[in-house]
Amino acid sequence: MPRIPLIEDLTKGPVPTSSNVLVEFDPASQWYNASLTIAVGWVKSGGVSSYNVYDHPPEDIRLQLKRLGLDVEASETEEKLRIIDHYTHQLGQKSQEKYAIPSLKVADLSLGYSRPTIPATGSLPPKPWTGPDVLRIADDESVILRFNDEKSFVDLWRTRMIPSARSRKSTAISAAVKGVYSEYVYRSMEASVDGIIDFKLEEAGEETINLMRIRSMRNVGFDSRWHRLRVGENFDVTLER
């Protein structure tokens, strides 16, 4: 089985297939770099990953993946990696990506989840990605709240987004920035998932410290302590031992 870097460094066994994991992160934390580190590690260990980008241009994601040592062109050609563009639509532009979401309205997204494949601007693959070797990562799904009311988003989360990992027998890591939306949103998201992970930035004297922890995990033992993160020259993220 492929391995999830960072997260499975702190668990006593593999995160069970079909799990939904929620990341809550400070805006200035290392979550974005960590998410790309996770995607690269998963693909390099034999898995396939769909990276759903909400907060950055897809080309920025490719550049960082290359810095982390991934052959992005080959991985995309072999369908080991899908970069799914949720970003360009927010600028009022049409995406040129092979895989793109043309609307972040809940009604449109709900229809997308009911289809057997992900909406694309190009040709669709012969079958959807399913199975235990698939990892879905979303850099910040709370962006959807910019275009919808909170109740509609929570309904989408509970009835479409959470069940999709289980129906596809794959694992999903979704993220939401902290401190922007109401407690109702965060509590509703937390109640539906199998694990919660926190990323934060703390000031310690004249320096800042990047930290992560597993707050909860339902189906596997874990280390719940805060752990300091090390950021490499290529912006790869590892636990500081």
Protein backbone atom coordinates (compact mmCIF):
# COMPACT_ATOMS: atom_id res chain seq x y z
CA MET A 1 0.00 0.00 0.00
CA PRO A 2 1.17 3.57 -0.62
CA ARG A 3 2.03 5.61 2.46
CA ILE A 4 0.79 9.04 3.61
CA PRO A 5 3.82 11.11 4.70
CA LEU A 6 3.57 13.21 7.88
CA ILE A 7 0.21 11.80 8.91
CA GLU A 8 1.26 8.15 9.05
CA ASP A 9 4.50 9.22 10.72
CA LEU A 10 2.25 9.88 13.74
CA THR A 11 -0.13 6.92 13.55
CA LYS A 12 0.40 3.37 14.80
CA GLY A 13 -0.68 1.89 11.51
CA PRO A 14 -2.05 2.86 8.10
CA VAL A 15 -4.99 5.22 7.90
CA PRO A 16 -7.87 2.91 6.90
CA THR A 17 -9.07 3.05 3.31
CA SER A 18 -12.21 5.16 2.74
CA SER A 19 -11.27 7.51 5.58
CA ASN A 20 -12.11 11.20 5.49
CA VAL A 21 -9.48 13.37 7.17
CA LEU A 22 -10.01 17.08 7.86
CA VAL A 23 -7.08 19.49 8.14
CA GLU A 24 -7.69 22.80 9.91
CA PHE A 25 -4.84 25.24 9.32
CA ASP A 26 -3.62 28.71 10.20
CA PRO A 27 -3.26 30.83 7.04
CA ALA A 28 0.49 31.32 7.66
CA SER A 29 1.18 27.67 8.52
CA GLN A 30 3.00 25.12 6.36
CA TRP A 31 -0.16 23.27 5.30
CA TYR A 32 0.18 24.07 1.58
CA ASN A 33 3.76 22.82 1.39
CA ALA A 34 2.82 19.84 3.55
CA SER A 35 -0.07 18.94 1.24
CA LEU A 36 2.28 18.84 -1.74
CA THR A 37 4.81 16.80 0.23
CA ILE A 38 2.03 14.33 0.99
CA ALA A 39 0.96 14.14 -2.67
CA VAL A 40 4.52 13.49 -3.88
CA GLY A 41 5.19 10.87 -1.22
CA TRP A 42 1.98 9.06 -2.03
CA VAL A 43 2.66 8.93 -5.77
CA LYS A 44 6.29 7.91 -5.28
CA SER A 45 5.23 5.02 -3.05
CA GLY A 46 2.98 3.64 -5.78
CA GLY A 47 -0.31 5.45 -5.32
CA VAL A 48 -2.35 7.81 -7.47
CA SER A 49 -3.37 11.25 -6.27
CA SER A 50 -5.90 13.86 -7.29
CA TYR A 51 -4.79 17.27 -6.05
CA ASN A 52 -7.68 19.72 -5.94
CA VAL A 53 -6.31 23.25 -6.05
CA TYR A 54 -8.47 26.11 -4.79
CA ASP A 55 -5.95 28.72 -3.64
CA HIS A 56 -3.13 28.69 -6.21
CA PRO A 57 -2.72 28.54 -10.00
CA PRO A 58 -2.20 24.97 -11.25
CA GLU A 59 1.16 25.91 -12.80
CA ASP A 60 2.42 26.99 -9.38
CA ILE A 61 1.48 23.55 -8.08
CA ARG A 62 3.36 21.81 -10.90
CA LEU A 63 6.46 23.91 -10.26
CA GLN A 64 6.52 22.98 -6.59
CA LEU A 65 5.87 19.30 -7.32
CA LYS A 66 8.87 19.34 -9.65
CA ARG A 67 11.00 20.94 -6.91
CA LEU A 68 9.99 18.05 -4.68
CA GLY A 69 11.39 15.59 -7.21
CA LEU A 70 8.24 14.40 -8.94
CA ASP A 71 8.23 13.83 -12.70
CA VAL A 72 5.00 15.76 -13.12
CA GLU A 73 4.62 15.32 -16.88
CA ALA A 74 5.03 11.55 -16.69
CA SER A 75 2.79 11.28 -13.63
CA GLU A 76 -0.02 13.19 -15.33
CA THR A 77 0.39 11.25 -18.58
CA GLU A 78 0.22 7.94 -16.70
CA GLU A 79 -2.77 9.19 -14.66
CA LYS A 80 -0.80 8.83 -11.43
CA LEU A 81 -1.51 12.49 -10.76
CA ARG A 82 -4.48 14.68 -11.54
CA ILE A 83 -4.36 18.38 -10.82
CA ILE A 84 -7.98 19.52 -10.68
CA ASP A 85 -8.41 23.24 -11.18
CA HIS A 86 -10.94 24.90 -8.85
CA TYR A 87 -8.92 28.13 -8.93
CA THR A 88 -9.25 29.67 -12.42
CA HIS A 89 -13.04 29.89 -12.32
CA GLN A 90 -12.74 32.19 -9.29
CA LEU A 91 -10.93 34.72 -11.49
CA GLY A 92 -13.79 34.79 -13.99
CA GLN A 93 -11.68 32.95 -16.56
CA LYS A 94 -12.00 29.66 -18.40
CA SER A 95 -9.48 27.04 -17.35
CA GLN A 96 -7.14 25.49 -19.89
CA GLU A 97 -6.50 22.52 -17.63
CA LYS A 98 -7.49 18.99 -18.60
CA TYR A 99 -9.40 18.69 -15.34
CA ALA A 100 -11.28 21.73 -14.12
CA ILE A 101 -14.38 22.64 -12.15
CA PRO A 102 -16.36 25.37 -13.98
CA SER A 103 -18.49 26.42 -11.00
CA LEU A 104 -18.24 26.48 -7.21
CA LYS A 105 -21.97 26.88 -6.69
CA VAL A 106 -23.33 24.12 -4.48
CA ALA A 107 -26.02 23.08 -6.98
CA ASP A 108 -23.41 22.57 -9.71
CA LEU A 109 -20.94 20.79 -7.43
CA SER A 110 -23.67 18.47 -6.19
CA LEU A 111 -24.40 17.38 -9.75
CA GLY A 112 -20.68 16.81 -10.31
CA TYR A 113 -20.48 14.42 -7.38
CA SER A 114 -23.37 12.39 -8.78
CA ARG A 115 -21.52 11.75 -12.04
CA PRO A 116 -19.21 8.73 -12.44
CA THR A 117 -16.25 10.94 -13.46
CA ILE A 118 -14.81 14.34 -12.60
CA PRO A 119 -15.86 17.19 -14.94
CA ALA A 120 -13.04 18.00 -17.33
CA THR A 121 -12.22 20.51 -20.01
CA GLY A 122 -10.59 17.79 -22.09
CA SER A 123 -11.32 14.11 -22.64
CA LEU A 124 -12.32 12.01 -19.67
CA PRO A 125 -10.38 8.92 -18.60
CA PRO A 126 -11.94 5.54 -19.39
CA LYS A 127 -12.98 5.03 -15.74
CA PRO A 128 -13.04 7.03 -12.49
CA TRP A 129 -10.34 6.67 -9.90
CA THR A 130 -11.44 4.23 -7.24
CA GLY A 131 -9.72 1.88 -4.85
CA PRO A 132 -7.36 1.91 -1.88
CA ASP A 133 -4.38 3.28 -3.83
CA VAL A 134 -6.23 6.56 -4.53
CA LEU A 135 -5.65 9.64 -2.34
CA ARG A 136 -7.68 12.79 -2.86
CA ILE A 137 -6.20 16.02 -1.47
CA ALA A 138 -7.95 19.40 -1.40
CA ASP A 139 -5.81 22.38 -0.42
CA ASP A 140 -8.71 24.46 0.98
CA GLU A 141 -12.30 23.41 0.37
CA SER A 142 -13.59 26.18 2.61
CA VAL A 143 -13.13 28.43 -0.46
CA ILE A 144 -16.52 27.09 -1.58
CA LEU A 145 -18.06 29.22 1.18
CA ARG A 146 -17.13 32.38 -0.73
CA PHE A 147 -19.80 31.47 -3.28
CA ASN A 148 -22.46 29.85 -1.08
CA ASP A 149 -24.18 30.24 2.27
CA GLU A 150 -22.95 28.15 5.19
CA LYS A 151 -25.97 25.82 5.40
CA SER A 152 -25.73 24.93 1.70
CA PHE A 153 -22.03 24.18 2.07
CA VAL A 154 -22.57 21.98 5.14
CA ASP A 155 -25.31 20.07 3.32
CA LEU A 156 -22.94 19.49 0.37
CA TRP A 157 -20.20 18.41 2.75
CA ARG A 158 -22.39 15.86 4.54
CA THR A 159 -24.34 14.46 1.61
CA ARG A 160 -21.82 14.55 -1.26
CA MET A 161 -18.24 15.26 -0.24
CA ILE A 162 -17.95 12.93 2.75
CA PRO A 163 -19.75 9.94 1.15
CA SER A 164 -17.62 10.19 -2.02
CA ALA A 165 -14.48 8.80 -0.36
CA ARG A 166 -16.38 5.84 1.00
CA SER A 167 -18.23 5.11 -2.24
CA ARG A 168 -14.95 5.22 -4.19
CA LYS A 169 -13.15 3.16 -1.51
CA SER A 170 -10.38 5.75 -1.43
CA THR A 171 -8.99 8.18 1.14
CA ALA A 172 -9.71 11.92 1.21
CA ILE A 173 -7.78 14.72 2.92
CA SER A 174 -9.79 17.94 2.93
CA ALA A 175 -8.66 21.25 4.40
CA ALA A 176 -10.28 24.38 5.80
CA VAL A 177 -8.58 27.59 6.89
CA LYS A 178 -9.13 28.42 10.58
CA GLY A 179 -10.91 31.43 12.01
CA VAL A 180 -12.73 32.67 8.91
CA TYR A 181 -16.15 31.04 9.12
CA SER A 182 -18.63 30.34 11.90
CA GLU A 183 -18.26 27.69 14.58
CA TYR A 184 -21.26 25.97 13.00
CA VAL A 185 -19.22 25.23 9.85
CA TYR A 186 -16.17 23.85 11.64
CA ARG A 187 -18.17 21.72 14.08
CA SER A 188 -20.33 20.33 11.28
CA MET A 189 -17.26 19.38 9.26
CA GLU A 190 -15.54 17.83 12.27
CA ALA A 191 -18.56 15.71 13.17
CA SER A 192 -18.51 13.96 9.78
CA VAL A 193 -14.86 12.95 9.46
CA ASP A 194 -12.68 10.09 10.70
CA GLY A 195 -9.71 12.24 11.67
CA ILE A 196 -8.79 15.86 12.39
CA ILE A 197 -5.31 17.36 11.93
CA ASP A 198 -4.14 20.83 12.90
CA PHE A 199 -1.38 22.98 11.37
CA LYS A 200 -0.35 26.21 13.10
CA LEU A 201 2.36 28.82 13.34
CA GLU A 202 3.60 30.00 16.75
CA GLU A 203 5.93 32.81 17.73
CA ALA A 204 8.78 31.84 20.08
CA GLY A 205 10.89 34.85 20.92
CA GLU A 206 12.43 36.12 17.71
CA GLU A 207 11.51 33.08 15.62
CA THR A 208 8.39 31.34 14.40
CA ILE A 209 7.70 27.64 14.80
CA ASN A 210 5.61 25.51 12.46
CA LEU A 211 3.67 22.77 14.19
CA MET A 212 1.23 19.97 13.40
CA ARG A 213 -0.70 17.45 15.44
CA ILE A 214 -3.33 14.77 15.03
CA ARG A 215 -6.24 15.98 17.15
CA SER A 216 -8.32 12.86 16.64
CA MET A 217 -8.36 9.66 14.59
CA ARG A 218 -11.19 7.19 14.94
CA ASN A 219 -9.85 3.97 13.49
CA VAL A 220 -6.12 3.90 14.20
CA GLY A 221 -3.90 4.72 17.18
CA PHE A 222 -1.98 7.99 17.00
CA ASP A 223 0.39 10.40 18.72
CA SER A 224 -1.67 13.45 19.71
CA ARG A 225 1.22 15.72 20.69
CA TRP A 226 2.22 18.85 18.77
CA HIS A 227 5.25 18.20 16.55
CA ARG A 228 7.60 20.76 15.11
CA LEU A 229 7.98 20.77 11.34
CA ARG A 230 11.15 21.13 9.35
CA VAL A 231 10.99 22.88 5.98
CA GLY A 232 13.70 21.85 3.51
CA GLU A 233 15.42 23.88 0.81
CA ASN A 234 12.88 22.64 -1.73
CA PHE A 235 10.04 23.40 0.71
CA ASP A 236 9.49 19.75 1.52
CA VAL A 237 7.97 19.33 4.98
CA THR A 238 9.07 16.69 7.47
CA LEU A 239 8.72 16.12 11.19
CA GLU A 240 11.59 17.45 13.24
CA ARG A 241 12.91 14.60 15.35
